[in-house]
Amino acid sequence: MVNEYINLVQMANLNTCIIDVDAFALQNIFEFNYTPEDEHVALIDIGASKTSLNILKGNSSAFMRDVSLGCAQINEKIVSLIDCSLEEAEHIKLHEQPDIISPEDLKKIVSSVVTDWCTEIKRALDFFYSTYPENQINSFVLSGGGANIKEFRHILAAETSADVEVINPFNNLSADSNRFDASYLEKIAPQAAICMGLAIRKIGDK
């Protein structure tokens, strides 16, 4: 798999310098922008087809788990309901084509999917607690496209009785206002977390 990524980069006439694991890249950008305390924090990245859980204590990873669930589920359910393309479903999900599907139907789809996410996350947490029964997760930090779904954040907070927030990978970075629109950076922040975690790596670092 690593070789396939390297070959792809080389085909684009780029030079591969650093390859990282997505969960560790997310951990890197979290540590860069926040002050890790001596308590358990769960980093959850909800991508298109995979959700990654990385539980930290301070600067150390205590538990990791990947589940094959993600935002693509919402698109697939939209497609099955109104028989559209996946590209159209993406626009509908982002409320860019509100006339194609009713708000009620879209809400039902989103509720169904995020409930599945929370169920799988709770299963992973149950395994963590069975292994470390004396530990308690104090907060959840979300990234990826799913982090922007309010209902997911509310359900996760209610079912875990913990604080839930969305990561800001640009927290300790300054951006040229002439080149980058602040509102755009705020909008794409959760989805930029992993690539920013890779971008701050240096050759020869640890």
N, C-alpha and C. Protein backbone atom coordinates (compact mmCIF):
# COMPACT_ATOMS: atom_id res chain seq x y z
N MET A 1 0.83 -1.21 0.00
CA MET A 1 0.00 0.00 0.00
C MET A 1 0.86 1.25 0.00
N VAL A 2 1.93 1.23 0.81
CA VAL A 2 2.83 2.38 0.86
C VAL A 2 3.47 2.60 -0.51
N ASN A 3 3.89 1.50 -1.15
CA ASN A 3 4.51 1.62 -2.47
C ASN A 3 3.55 2.21 -3.49
N GLU A 4 2.27 1.86 -3.39
CA GLU A 4 1.28 2.41 -4.32
C GLU A 4 1.17 3.92 -4.15
N TYR A 5 1.19 4.39 -2.90
CA TYR A 5 1.14 5.83 -2.67
C TYR A 5 2.39 6.52 -3.22
N ILE A 6 3.54 5.90 -2.99
CA ILE A 6 4.79 6.49 -3.48
C ILE A 6 4.79 6.57 -5.00
N ASN A 7 4.34 5.50 -5.64
CA ASN A 7 4.29 5.49 -7.12
C ASN A 7 3.35 6.58 -7.64
N LEU A 8 2.22 6.77 -6.95
CA LEU A 8 1.27 7.80 -7.37
C LEU A 8 1.89 9.19 -7.27
N VAL A 9 2.60 9.44 -6.19
CA VAL A 9 3.26 10.73 -6.00
C VAL A 9 4.33 10.95 -7.08
N GLN A 10 5.08 9.90 -7.37
CA GLN A 10 6.13 10.02 -8.38
C GLN A 10 5.55 10.24 -9.77
N MET A 11 4.40 9.63 -10.07
CA MET A 11 3.74 9.84 -11.36
C MET A 11 3.32 11.30 -11.52
N ALA A 12 3.08 11.98 -10.38
CA ALA A 12 2.73 13.40 -10.42
C ALA A 12 3.97 14.29 -10.44
N ASN A 13 5.15 13.66 -10.63
CA ASN A 13 6.44 14.37 -10.68
C ASN A 13 6.75 15.09 -9.37
N LEU A 14 6.35 14.46 -8.27
CA LEU A 14 6.66 14.99 -6.94
C LEU A 14 7.62 14.03 -6.24
N ASN A 15 8.33 14.56 -5.25
CA ASN A 15 9.31 13.77 -4.52
C ASN A 15 8.75 13.42 -3.14
N THR A 16 8.63 12.14 -2.84
CA THR A 16 8.10 11.71 -1.55
C THR A 16 9.15 11.93 -0.46
N CYS A 17 8.79 12.73 0.53
CA CYS A 17 9.71 13.01 1.64
C CYS A 17 9.23 12.38 2.95
N ILE A 18 7.94 12.47 3.20
CA ILE A 18 7.39 11.96 4.46
C ILE A 18 6.06 11.27 4.19
N ILE A 19 5.88 10.10 4.77
CA ILE A 19 4.59 9.40 4.76
C ILE A 19 4.18 9.20 6.21
N ASP A 20 2.92 9.47 6.51
CA ASP A 20 2.47 9.36 7.89
C ASP A 20 1.14 8.63 7.95
N VAL A 21 0.79 8.13 9.11
CA VAL A 21 -0.51 7.51 9.36
C VAL A 21 -1.50 8.63 9.66
N ASP A 22 -2.71 8.55 9.08
CA ASP A 22 -3.65 9.66 9.23
C ASP A 22 -3.97 9.97 10.70
N ALA A 23 -4.11 8.93 11.53
CA ALA A 23 -4.43 9.16 12.94
C ALA A 23 -3.30 9.91 13.65
N PHE A 24 -2.04 9.61 13.26
CA PHE A 24 -0.91 10.29 13.88
C PHE A 24 -0.77 11.72 13.36
N ALA A 25 -1.10 11.92 12.09
CA ALA A 25 -1.09 13.28 11.54
C ALA A 25 -2.11 14.15 12.27
N LEU A 26 -3.27 13.57 12.55
CA LEU A 26 -4.30 14.29 13.30
C LEU A 26 -3.81 14.59 14.72
N GLN A 27 -3.14 13.62 15.33
CA GLN A 27 -2.59 13.84 16.67
C GLN A 27 -1.54 14.94 16.65
N ASN A 28 -0.72 14.97 15.61
CA ASN A 28 0.32 16.01 15.50
C ASN A 28 -0.28 17.41 15.46
N ILE A 29 -1.33 17.58 14.64
CA ILE A 29 -1.90 18.92 14.52
C ILE A 29 -2.68 19.29 15.77
N PHE A 30 -3.23 18.31 16.46
CA PHE A 30 -3.90 18.59 17.74
C PHE A 30 -2.89 19.09 18.76
N GLU A 31 -1.76 18.40 18.86
CA GLU A 31 -0.73 18.79 19.83
C GLU A 31 -0.12 20.14 19.46
N PHE A 32 -0.07 20.45 18.17
CA PHE A 32 0.48 21.73 17.71
C PHE A 32 -0.40 22.90 18.11
N ASN A 33 -1.71 22.68 18.12
CA ASN A 33 -2.65 23.77 18.34
C ASN A 33 -3.26 23.82 19.74
N TYR A 34 -3.13 22.74 20.49
CA TYR A 34 -3.74 22.69 21.81
C TYR A 34 -2.69 22.24 22.83
N THR A 35 -2.97 22.50 24.09
CA THR A 35 -2.06 22.10 25.16
C THR A 35 -2.58 20.82 25.79
N PRO A 36 -1.98 19.66 25.44
CA PRO A 36 -2.45 18.39 26.01
C PRO A 36 -2.29 18.37 27.53
N GLU A 37 -3.34 17.99 28.22
CA GLU A 37 -3.30 17.88 29.66
C GLU A 37 -3.26 16.41 30.05
N ASP A 38 -3.06 16.14 31.32
CA ASP A 38 -2.95 14.75 31.79
C ASP A 38 -4.34 14.16 31.98
N GLU A 39 -5.09 14.13 30.89
CA GLU A 39 -6.42 13.54 30.90
C GLU A 39 -6.67 12.93 29.53
N HIS A 40 -7.67 12.09 29.44
CA HIS A 40 -7.94 11.39 28.19
C HIS A 40 -8.79 12.25 27.26
N VAL A 41 -8.31 12.40 26.04
CA VAL A 41 -9.03 13.12 24.99
C VAL A 41 -9.16 12.19 23.79
N ALA A 42 -10.35 12.11 23.22
CA ALA A 42 -10.57 11.25 22.06
C ALA A 42 -10.62 12.10 20.79
N LEU A 43 -9.73 11.82 19.87
CA LEU A 43 -9.74 12.46 18.55
C LEU A 43 -10.53 11.56 17.61
N ILE A 44 -11.57 12.11 17.00
CA ILE A 44 -12.40 11.33 16.08
C ILE A 44 -12.44 12.03 14.73
N ASP A 45 -11.99 11.33 13.70
CA ASP A 45 -12.04 11.87 12.34
C ASP A 45 -13.08 11.11 11.55
N ILE A 46 -14.10 11.82 11.05
CA ILE A 46 -15.17 11.21 10.28
C ILE A 46 -14.97 11.57 8.82
N GLY A 47 -14.40 10.65 8.06
CA GLY A 47 -14.13 10.90 6.65
C GLY A 47 -15.27 10.41 5.77
N ALA A 48 -14.97 10.19 4.50
CA ALA A 48 -15.99 9.75 3.56
C ALA A 48 -16.41 8.31 3.81
N SER A 49 -15.43 7.43 4.04
CA SER A 49 -15.76 6.02 4.20
C SER A 49 -15.17 5.38 5.44
N LYS A 50 -14.46 6.18 6.25
CA LYS A 50 -13.83 5.62 7.44
C LYS A 50 -13.88 6.62 8.59
N THR A 51 -14.12 6.10 9.78
CA THR A 51 -14.06 6.91 10.99
C THR A 51 -12.94 6.38 11.86
N SER A 52 -12.03 7.26 12.26
CA SER A 52 -10.88 6.87 13.07
C SER A 52 -11.01 7.44 14.47
N LEU A 53 -10.70 6.61 15.45
CA LEU A 53 -10.73 7.02 16.86
C LEU A 53 -9.33 6.86 17.44
N ASN A 54 -8.81 7.91 18.02
CA ASN A 54 -7.49 7.88 18.66
C ASN A 54 -7.63 8.53 20.03
N ILE A 55 -7.49 7.73 21.09
CA ILE A 55 -7.63 8.24 22.46
C ILE A 55 -6.25 8.57 23.01
N LEU A 56 -6.08 9.82 23.39
CA LEU A 56 -4.80 10.31 23.90
C LEU A 56 -4.83 10.52 25.40
N LYS A 57 -3.69 10.32 26.01
CA LYS A 57 -3.47 10.79 27.38
C LYS A 57 -2.18 11.58 27.35
N GLY A 58 -2.29 12.89 27.51
CA GLY A 58 -1.13 13.75 27.31
C GLY A 58 -0.71 13.69 25.86
N ASN A 59 0.56 13.35 25.63
CA ASN A 59 1.08 13.26 24.26
C ASN A 59 1.16 11.82 23.76
N SER A 60 0.55 10.89 24.49
CA SER A 60 0.65 9.48 24.12
C SER A 60 -0.70 8.95 23.65
N SER A 61 -0.63 8.08 22.65
CA SER A 61 -1.83 7.42 22.15
C SER A 61 -2.08 6.17 22.98
N ALA A 62 -3.27 6.08 23.60
CA ALA A 62 -3.58 4.96 24.46
C ALA A 62 -4.44 3.90 23.78
N PHE A 63 -5.16 4.31 22.73
CA PHE A 63 -6.09 3.37 22.09
C PHE A 63 -6.46 3.90 20.71
N MET A 64 -6.49 3.00 19.71
CA MET A 64 -6.87 3.41 18.35
C MET A 64 -7.84 2.39 17.77
N ARG A 65 -8.78 2.89 16.97
CA ARG A 65 -9.74 2.00 16.31
C ARG A 65 -10.28 2.68 15.07
N ASP A 66 -10.39 1.93 13.97
CA ASP A 66 -11.01 2.41 12.74
C ASP A 66 -12.29 1.63 12.49
N VAL A 67 -13.32 2.31 12.02
CA VAL A 67 -14.56 1.64 11.63
C VAL A 67 -14.93 2.12 10.22
N SER A 68 -15.52 1.21 9.45
CA SER A 68 -15.84 1.51 8.05
C SER A 68 -17.18 2.23 7.92
N LEU A 69 -17.25 3.39 8.50
CA LEU A 69 -18.45 4.23 8.42
C LEU A 69 -18.01 5.66 8.13
N GLY A 70 -18.83 6.39 7.37
CA GLY A 70 -18.45 7.77 7.07
C GLY A 70 -19.54 8.52 6.34
N CYS A 71 -19.20 9.70 5.88
CA CYS A 71 -20.17 10.60 5.25
C CYS A 71 -20.74 10.06 3.94
N ALA A 72 -20.02 9.14 3.31
CA ALA A 72 -20.54 8.57 2.07
C ALA A 72 -21.85 7.83 2.29
N GLN A 73 -22.09 7.37 3.52
CA GLN A 73 -23.35 6.69 3.83
C GLN A 73 -24.55 7.61 3.59
N ILE A 74 -24.37 8.89 3.94
CA ILE A 74 -25.45 9.85 3.74
C ILE A 74 -25.74 9.98 2.25
N ASN A 75 -24.68 10.12 1.46
CA ASN A 75 -24.86 10.24 0.01
C ASN A 75 -25.55 9.01 -0.58
N GLU A 76 -25.14 7.83 -0.12
CA GLU A 76 -25.72 6.59 -0.64
C GLU A 76 -27.21 6.49 -0.32
N LYS A 77 -27.59 6.93 0.87
CA LYS A 77 -29.01 6.89 1.24
C LYS A 77 -29.82 7.89 0.42
N ILE A 78 -29.21 9.04 0.13
CA ILE A 78 -29.89 10.03 -0.71
C ILE A 78 -30.10 9.46 -2.12
N VAL A 79 -29.07 8.81 -2.65
CA VAL A 79 -29.16 8.20 -3.98
C VAL A 79 -30.26 7.15 -4.01
N SER A 80 -30.33 6.32 -2.98
CA SER A 80 -31.35 5.26 -2.95
C SER A 80 -32.76 5.82 -2.83
N LEU A 81 -32.88 7.03 -2.27
CA LEU A 81 -34.20 7.63 -2.09
C LEU A 81 -34.70 8.32 -3.35
N ILE A 82 -33.82 9.08 -4.00
CA ILE A 82 -34.30 9.88 -5.15
C ILE A 82 -33.63 9.53 -6.47
N ASP A 83 -32.79 8.49 -6.48
CA ASP A 83 -32.17 8.01 -7.71
C ASP A 83 -31.42 9.12 -8.46
N CYS A 84 -30.45 9.70 -7.76
CA CYS A 84 -29.60 10.73 -8.37
C CYS A 84 -28.16 10.22 -8.37
N SER A 85 -27.24 11.02 -8.90
CA SER A 85 -25.83 10.63 -8.89
C SER A 85 -25.22 10.93 -7.52
N LEU A 86 -24.07 10.32 -7.25
CA LEU A 86 -23.39 10.58 -5.98
C LEU A 86 -22.94 12.04 -5.89
N GLU A 87 -22.57 12.61 -7.04
CA GLU A 87 -22.16 14.02 -7.06
C GLU A 87 -23.34 14.93 -6.68
N GLU A 88 -24.52 14.62 -7.23
CA GLU A 88 -25.71 15.39 -6.88
C GLU A 88 -26.06 15.20 -5.40
N ALA A 89 -25.88 13.98 -4.91
CA ALA A 89 -26.18 13.68 -3.51
C ALA A 89 -25.28 14.50 -2.58
N GLU A 90 -24.03 14.71 -2.99
CA GLU A 90 -23.11 15.51 -2.19
C GLU A 90 -23.61 16.95 -2.08
N HIS A 91 -24.09 17.50 -3.18
CA HIS A 91 -24.61 18.87 -3.16
C HIS A 91 -25.87 18.95 -2.30
N ILE A 92 -26.70 17.92 -2.37
CA ILE A 92 -27.92 17.90 -1.55
C ILE A 92 -27.56 17.83 -0.07
N LYS A 93 -26.60 17.00 0.25
CA LYS A 93 -26.17 16.86 1.64
C LYS A 93 -25.67 18.18 2.20
N LEU A 94 -25.00 18.96 1.36
CA LEU A 94 -24.45 20.26 1.78
C LEU A 94 -25.46 21.39 1.66
N HIS A 95 -26.73 21.02 1.40
CA HIS A 95 -27.83 22.00 1.29
C HIS A 95 -27.64 22.97 0.13
N GLU A 96 -26.93 22.51 -0.91
CA GLU A 96 -26.72 23.36 -2.08
C GLU A 96 -27.82 23.19 -3.13
N GLN A 97 -28.66 22.15 -2.96
CA GLN A 97 -29.79 21.92 -3.85
C GLN A 97 -31.02 21.53 -3.01
N PRO A 98 -31.53 22.49 -2.23
CA PRO A 98 -32.57 22.18 -1.25
C PRO A 98 -33.92 21.78 -1.83
N ASP A 99 -34.16 22.05 -3.12
CA ASP A 99 -35.48 21.77 -3.70
C ASP A 99 -35.65 20.32 -4.15
N ILE A 100 -34.56 19.57 -4.18
CA ILE A 100 -34.62 18.21 -4.72
C ILE A 100 -35.17 17.22 -3.70
N ILE A 101 -34.89 17.43 -2.44
CA ILE A 101 -35.33 16.54 -1.38
C ILE A 101 -35.89 17.38 -0.24
N SER A 102 -36.90 16.89 0.42
CA SER A 102 -37.50 17.68 1.49
C SER A 102 -36.58 17.73 2.70
N PRO A 103 -36.62 18.82 3.46
CA PRO A 103 -35.79 18.91 4.67
C PRO A 103 -36.07 17.77 5.65
N GLU A 104 -37.32 17.31 5.71
CA GLU A 104 -37.68 16.23 6.62
C GLU A 104 -36.99 14.93 6.22
N ASP A 105 -37.01 14.63 4.91
CA ASP A 105 -36.37 13.40 4.44
C ASP A 105 -34.86 13.45 4.65
N LEU A 106 -34.27 14.61 4.38
CA LEU A 106 -32.82 14.74 4.57
C LEU A 106 -32.47 14.59 6.04
N LYS A 107 -33.28 15.16 6.91
CA LYS A 107 -33.01 15.05 8.35
C LYS A 107 -33.11 13.60 8.81
N LYS A 108 -34.08 12.85 8.28
CA LYS A 108 -34.22 11.44 8.65
C LYS A 108 -32.98 10.65 8.24
N ILE A 109 -32.50 10.94 7.03
CA ILE A 109 -31.30 10.24 6.54
C ILE A 109 -30.10 10.54 7.42
N VAL A 110 -29.89 11.82 7.70
CA VAL A 110 -28.74 12.23 8.51
C VAL A 110 -28.85 11.64 9.92
N SER A 111 -30.03 11.68 10.50
CA SER A 111 -30.23 11.14 11.85
C SER A 111 -29.91 9.66 11.91
N SER A 112 -30.36 8.94 10.88
CA SER A 112 -30.11 7.50 10.83
C SER A 112 -28.62 7.19 10.77
N VAL A 113 -27.91 7.93 9.92
CA VAL A 113 -26.49 7.68 9.73
C VAL A 113 -25.68 8.06 10.96
N VAL A 114 -25.92 9.24 11.51
CA VAL A 114 -25.11 9.67 12.66
C VAL A 114 -25.40 8.82 13.89
N THR A 115 -26.60 8.27 13.98
CA THR A 115 -26.91 7.34 15.07
C THR A 115 -26.05 6.09 14.94
N ASP A 116 -25.87 5.61 13.70
CA ASP A 116 -24.98 4.46 13.47
C ASP A 116 -23.56 4.80 13.86
N TRP A 117 -23.11 6.02 13.52
CA TRP A 117 -21.76 6.43 13.91
C TRP A 117 -21.58 6.36 15.42
N CYS A 118 -22.53 6.95 16.13
CA CYS A 118 -22.43 6.99 17.59
C CYS A 118 -22.46 5.59 18.20
N THR A 119 -23.25 4.69 17.61
CA THR A 119 -23.31 3.32 18.10
C THR A 119 -21.95 2.65 17.98
N GLU A 120 -21.30 2.80 16.81
CA GLU A 120 -20.00 2.19 16.61
C GLU A 120 -18.93 2.83 17.49
N ILE A 121 -19.00 4.13 17.65
CA ILE A 121 -18.04 4.82 18.53
C ILE A 121 -18.20 4.34 19.97
N LYS A 122 -19.45 4.17 20.41
CA LYS A 122 -19.69 3.69 21.77
C LYS A 122 -19.17 2.27 21.96
N ARG A 123 -19.27 1.44 20.93
CA ARG A 123 -18.73 0.09 21.01
C ARG A 123 -17.23 0.12 21.22
N ALA A 124 -16.56 1.00 20.47
CA ALA A 124 -15.11 1.14 20.62
C ALA A 124 -14.76 1.67 22.01
N LEU A 125 -15.56 2.62 22.50
CA LEU A 125 -15.32 3.16 23.84
C LEU A 125 -15.54 2.11 24.91
N ASP A 126 -16.56 1.25 24.73
CA ASP A 126 -16.81 0.17 25.70
C ASP A 126 -15.60 -0.75 25.79
N PHE A 127 -15.00 -1.02 24.62
CA PHE A 127 -13.80 -1.87 24.62
C PHE A 127 -12.66 -1.17 25.35
N PHE A 128 -12.52 0.13 25.12
CA PHE A 128 -11.48 0.90 25.80
C PHE A 128 -11.69 0.86 27.31
N TYR A 129 -12.93 1.09 27.74
CA TYR A 129 -13.22 1.11 29.17
C TYR A 129 -13.07 -0.26 29.81
N SER A 130 -13.33 -1.33 29.04
CA SER A 130 -13.14 -2.67 29.59
C SER A 130 -11.66 -2.98 29.79
N THR A 131 -10.82 -2.34 28.98
CA THR A 131 -9.38 -2.52 29.10
C THR A 131 -8.78 -1.59 30.14
N TYR A 132 -9.32 -0.36 30.19
CA TYR A 132 -8.85 0.65 31.15
C TYR A 132 -10.03 1.17 31.97
N PRO A 133 -10.56 0.36 32.86
CA PRO A 133 -11.80 0.74 33.58
C PRO A 133 -11.65 1.95 34.49
N GLU A 134 -10.42 2.26 34.87
CA GLU A 134 -10.22 3.38 35.78
C GLU A 134 -10.12 4.72 35.05
N ASN A 135 -10.07 4.69 33.74
CA ASN A 135 -9.89 5.91 32.96
C ASN A 135 -11.22 6.47 32.48
N GLN A 136 -11.26 7.78 32.32
CA GLN A 136 -12.46 8.46 31.84
C GLN A 136 -12.09 9.44 30.75
N ILE A 137 -12.82 9.40 29.63
CA ILE A 137 -12.57 10.34 28.54
C ILE A 137 -13.29 11.65 28.85
N ASN A 138 -12.55 12.71 28.92
CA ASN A 138 -13.11 14.00 29.33
C ASN A 138 -13.68 14.82 28.17
N SER A 139 -13.10 14.63 26.98
CA SER A 139 -13.58 15.43 25.85
C SER A 139 -13.32 14.72 24.53
N PHE A 140 -14.11 15.10 23.53
CA PHE A 140 -13.97 14.58 22.18
C PHE A 140 -13.66 15.75 21.24
N VAL A 141 -12.69 15.56 20.37
CA VAL A 141 -12.34 16.58 19.39
C VAL A 141 -12.57 15.96 18.01
N LEU A 142 -13.44 16.58 17.23
CA LEU A 142 -13.87 16.02 15.95
C LEU A 142 -13.18 16.69 14.78
N SER A 143 -12.94 15.91 13.74
CA SER A 143 -12.41 16.42 12.48
C SER A 143 -13.06 15.66 11.35
N GLY A 144 -12.72 16.06 10.11
CA GLY A 144 -13.34 15.43 8.95
C GLY A 144 -14.68 16.07 8.61
N GLY A 145 -15.24 15.66 7.47
CA GLY A 145 -16.49 16.25 7.02
C GLY A 145 -17.64 16.06 7.98
N GLY A 146 -17.66 14.93 8.69
CA GLY A 146 -18.74 14.65 9.63
C GLY A 146 -18.76 15.56 10.84
N ALA A 147 -17.63 16.23 11.10
CA ALA A 147 -17.56 17.12 12.26
C ALA A 147 -18.50 18.31 12.11
N ASN A 148 -18.87 18.63 10.88
CA ASN A 148 -19.74 19.79 10.64
C ASN A 148 -21.22 19.49 10.86
N ILE A 149 -21.56 18.24 11.14
CA ILE A 149 -22.96 17.86 11.33
C ILE A 149 -23.34 18.08 12.80
N LYS A 150 -24.19 19.08 13.04
CA LYS A 150 -24.55 19.46 14.40
C LYS A 150 -25.21 18.32 15.16
N GLU A 151 -26.10 17.60 14.48
CA GLU A 151 -26.82 16.52 15.16
C GLU A 151 -25.87 15.45 15.68
N PHE A 152 -24.84 15.17 14.92
CA PHE A 152 -23.84 14.19 15.36
C PHE A 152 -23.15 14.68 16.63
N ARG A 153 -22.77 15.95 16.66
CA ARG A 153 -22.10 16.49 17.83
C ARG A 153 -23.02 16.43 19.06
N HIS A 154 -24.29 16.75 18.86
CA HIS A 154 -25.24 16.76 19.98
C HIS A 154 -25.48 15.35 20.52
N ILE A 155 -25.68 14.38 19.62
CA ILE A 155 -25.93 13.01 20.05
C ILE A 155 -24.70 12.45 20.76
N LEU A 156 -23.52 12.68 20.22
CA LEU A 156 -22.29 12.17 20.82
C LEU A 156 -22.09 12.76 22.21
N ALA A 157 -22.34 14.06 22.37
CA ALA A 157 -22.20 14.71 23.68
C ALA A 157 -23.19 14.13 24.68
N ALA A 158 -24.42 13.89 24.23
CA ALA A 158 -25.46 13.38 25.12
C ALA A 158 -25.16 11.95 25.55
N GLU A 159 -24.69 11.12 24.62
CA GLU A 159 -24.50 9.70 24.92
C GLU A 159 -23.20 9.42 25.66
N THR A 160 -22.24 10.34 25.59
CA THR A 160 -20.96 10.13 26.28
C THR A 160 -20.80 10.99 27.52
N SER A 161 -21.71 11.96 27.69
CA SER A 161 -21.63 12.90 28.83
C SER A 161 -20.25 13.57 28.88
N ALA A 162 -19.75 13.94 27.72
CA ALA A 162 -18.44 14.59 27.63
C ALA A 162 -18.53 15.81 26.72
N ASP A 163 -17.54 16.67 26.82
CA ASP A 163 -17.49 17.84 25.95
C ASP A 163 -17.12 17.41 24.53
N VAL A 164 -17.77 18.01 23.54
CA VAL A 164 -17.49 17.71 22.14
C VAL A 164 -17.20 19.02 21.43
N GLU A 165 -16.07 19.10 20.77
CA GLU A 165 -15.73 20.30 20.01
C GLU A 165 -15.14 19.93 18.66
N VAL A 166 -15.12 20.89 17.75
CA VAL A 166 -14.55 20.69 16.42
C VAL A 166 -13.14 21.27 16.39
N ILE A 167 -12.22 20.51 15.84
CA ILE A 167 -10.82 20.95 15.83
C ILE A 167 -10.63 22.16 14.91
N ASN A 168 -9.71 23.01 15.29
CA ASN A 168 -9.28 24.12 14.43
C ASN A 168 -7.79 23.96 14.18
N PRO A 169 -7.40 23.38 13.03
CA PRO A 169 -5.97 23.15 12.77
C PRO A 169 -5.18 24.41 12.49
N PHE A 170 -5.89 25.55 12.35
CA PHE A 170 -5.22 26.82 12.07
C PHE A 170 -5.09 27.69 13.32
N ASN A 171 -5.38 27.11 14.47
CA ASN A 171 -5.45 27.86 15.72
C ASN A 171 -4.15 28.63 16.01
N ASN A 172 -3.01 27.97 15.85
CA ASN A 172 -1.72 28.60 16.15
C ASN A 172 -0.96 29.00 14.90
N LEU A 173 -1.70 29.17 13.81
CA LEU A 173 -1.08 29.58 12.56
C LEU A 173 -1.64 30.92 12.12
N SER A 174 -0.82 31.72 11.47
CA SER A 174 -1.31 32.98 10.92
C SER A 174 -1.39 32.84 9.40
N ALA A 175 -2.47 33.36 8.83
CA ALA A 175 -2.68 33.25 7.38
C ALA A 175 -2.69 34.64 6.75
N ASP A 176 -2.13 34.74 5.57
CA ASP A 176 -2.12 35.99 4.81
C ASP A 176 -3.55 36.29 4.37
N SER A 177 -4.14 37.35 4.91
CA SER A 177 -5.53 37.68 4.60
C SER A 177 -5.74 38.04 3.13
N ASN A 178 -4.65 38.40 2.43
CA ASN A 178 -4.77 38.71 1.01
C ASN A 178 -4.85 37.44 0.15
N ARG A 179 -4.39 36.34 0.70
CA ARG A 179 -4.39 35.09 -0.05
C ARG A 179 -5.45 34.11 0.43
N PHE A 180 -5.82 34.19 1.71
CA PHE A 180 -6.75 33.22 2.28
C PHE A 180 -7.92 33.94 2.92
N ASP A 181 -9.11 33.53 2.55
CA ASP A 181 -10.31 34.11 3.12
C ASP A 181 -10.58 33.45 4.47
N ALA A 182 -10.73 34.26 5.52
CA ALA A 182 -10.89 33.74 6.88
C ALA A 182 -12.14 32.87 7.02
N SER A 183 -13.24 33.28 6.38
CA SER A 183 -14.48 32.51 6.48
C SER A 183 -14.34 31.15 5.80
N TYR A 184 -13.56 31.11 4.71
CA TYR A 184 -13.35 29.84 4.01
C TYR A 184 -12.51 28.90 4.87
N LEU A 185 -11.45 29.44 5.49
CA LEU A 185 -10.62 28.61 6.36
C LEU A 185 -11.42 28.05 7.52
N GLU A 186 -12.32 28.85 8.06
CA GLU A 186 -13.16 28.39 9.15
C GLU A 186 -14.07 27.26 8.69
N LYS A 187 -14.58 27.37 7.48
CA LYS A 187 -15.50 26.38 6.94
C LYS A 187 -14.81 25.04 6.70
N ILE A 188 -13.59 25.07 6.15
CA ILE A 188 -12.92 23.83 5.78
C ILE A 188 -11.99 23.31 6.87
N ALA A 189 -11.92 24.00 8.00
CA ALA A 189 -10.98 23.64 9.06
C ALA A 189 -11.03 22.16 9.47
N PRO A 190 -12.21 21.59 9.76
CA PRO A 190 -12.24 20.18 10.19
C PRO A 190 -11.68 19.23 9.14
N GLN A 191 -11.93 19.54 7.86
CA GLN A 191 -11.46 18.65 6.79
C GLN A 191 -9.99 18.86 6.47
N ALA A 192 -9.42 19.94 6.95
CA ALA A 192 -8.01 20.24 6.68
C ALA A 192 -7.08 19.71 7.76
N ALA A 193 -7.65 19.13 8.81
CA ALA A 193 -6.84 18.77 9.98
C ALA A 193 -5.74 17.76 9.66
N ILE A 194 -6.08 16.67 8.98
CA ILE A 194 -5.08 15.63 8.73
C ILE A 194 -4.00 16.13 7.78
N CYS A 195 -4.39 16.82 6.70
CA CYS A 195 -3.36 17.30 5.77
C CYS A 195 -2.48 18.36 6.43
N MET A 196 -3.03 19.13 7.35
CA MET A 196 -2.20 20.10 8.07
C MET A 196 -1.25 19.39 9.02
N GLY A 197 -1.72 18.28 9.61
CA GLY A 197 -0.84 17.49 10.48
C GLY A 197 0.34 16.92 9.73
N LEU A 198 0.13 16.56 8.47
CA LEU A 198 1.23 16.08 7.64
C LEU A 198 2.11 17.25 7.19
N ALA A 199 1.49 18.39 6.91
CA ALA A 199 2.24 19.55 6.40
C ALA A 199 3.24 20.10 7.41
N ILE A 200 2.97 19.94 8.71
CA ILE A 200 3.89 20.49 9.71
C ILE A 200 5.05 19.54 10.02
N ARG A 201 5.03 18.35 9.42
CA ARG A 201 6.15 17.42 9.60
C ARG A 201 7.40 17.95 8.91
N LYS A 202 8.56 17.54 9.42
CA LYS A 202 9.84 17.91 8.82
C LYS A 202 10.68 16.66 8.60
N ILE A 203 11.51 16.70 7.58
CA ILE A 203 12.40 15.56 7.32
C ILE A 203 13.34 15.36 8.51
N GLY A 204 13.37 14.14 9.02
CA GLY A 204 14.26 13.83 10.13
C GLY A 204 13.66 14.04 11.49
N ASP A 205 12.39 14.51 11.57
CA ASP A 205 11.79 14.69 12.89
C ASP A 205 11.30 13.34 13.42
N LYS A 206 10.75 13.36 14.62
CA LYS A 206 10.27 12.13 15.24
C LYS A 206 8.79 12.24 15.52
